[in-house]
């Protein structure tokens, strides 16, 4: 835009021809932003704020009177504050290259002054101390002209043809040479030792190689021998395995047969013995219960049981007539007499059993004697006629033939 000026980031814009600047400066200072400037009535100039460099190569005399040529490099710039820009602008605005020339001369003077108070040894060994002292002594003077020093580096120190620095360094050079010779000797010794170690290692490696080769040869021989014997050995092992398998098969067959015998004979026999034992135990338990029941005082229940068993007794007594060829001679009266006789015999047996139980001596066998009497009512047919007894023991009116 017409009349609007903007300084670069590393520049300061100085505007003259109008109002005075801060602190009574003859111009206004603008940095970091633009500003409208009236043409013709205002004049604008730019002062660099970039880093500048000045070189110094000065011959200085030390405290010992020895002349030294010292080369140094100074890095400086215009200060960032308003006062430094005004001071630098009033001095260097028309010819800004003069900043490097003037800075070099200022530092040359301070460098001669400080070196004159130091010895060569101090200058050589303490360069940083020399640079620091030069910076400190020149700081105030540089600030007056609006400049600030960032660094000072001593590049070289030369004593010319005097040879003082070389003489000063001679002991160190001798020590270094001595150390170098020692190091060389040690290196040579180490090299020889390394060669000897290498030779021993080679010999050891050759010995180990020979041993390994011998072992390999022995292994090859053994392998060949084993290969030659492999066939017969394999056949023998195979036969041995066959025999072992046959033996195992025979043992298993014997065990299987034994198990079969156990399953077919022993187990059934044991089962039958167990069944007989269980039946015997059960029968003994039944007899014990019956004996206990007979010995009890509950006679009514026992009589009732005997009465209930009377039909079964009569039925058993009459079982002899089953399937027999009976001829009844007296008709219906004969049948009545037979039935009456069976009942009479049953009552007689029942009364005998009751007496035996009441006696408590296990019975006298009378009930057994009555069974033939009951069976006497009938007789096998052998071509003879028998006579039975009726009710109350009376003889039958007619004989019964049983075939």
Foldseek 3Di string as FASTA:
>chain_A
DPQKDADDQFKKKWKAQDDADPPRQRTHIDHDGIDGHDPPRMDIAIDGFDKDKAKEFEWAAALVRFTKTWIKMWIKGFDPDPVLCSLQCVPDRVPVVVVRVVVRVLLRVLLNVVRHHHDPVCCVVPVVVSFVSSQVVCQVVQVNSRMHIDGMGTDDMGRPPPCPVVVVCVVVVVVVVVVVVVVVVVVVVVVVVVVVVVVVVVVVVVVVVVVVVVVVVVVVVVVVVCVVCVVVVVVVVVVVVVVVVVVVVVVVVVVVVVVVCCVPPVVVVVVVVVVVVVVVVVVVVVVVVVLVVLPDPPVVVVLVVLVVCLVVQLVVLCVVVPPKDKDQDPPPVSVVQLVLLSSQLSVVLSVQVVVQSVVVPNHDCVSVVSSVLSNVQDDAAPPDWDWHAGHPRHIDPGTMYID
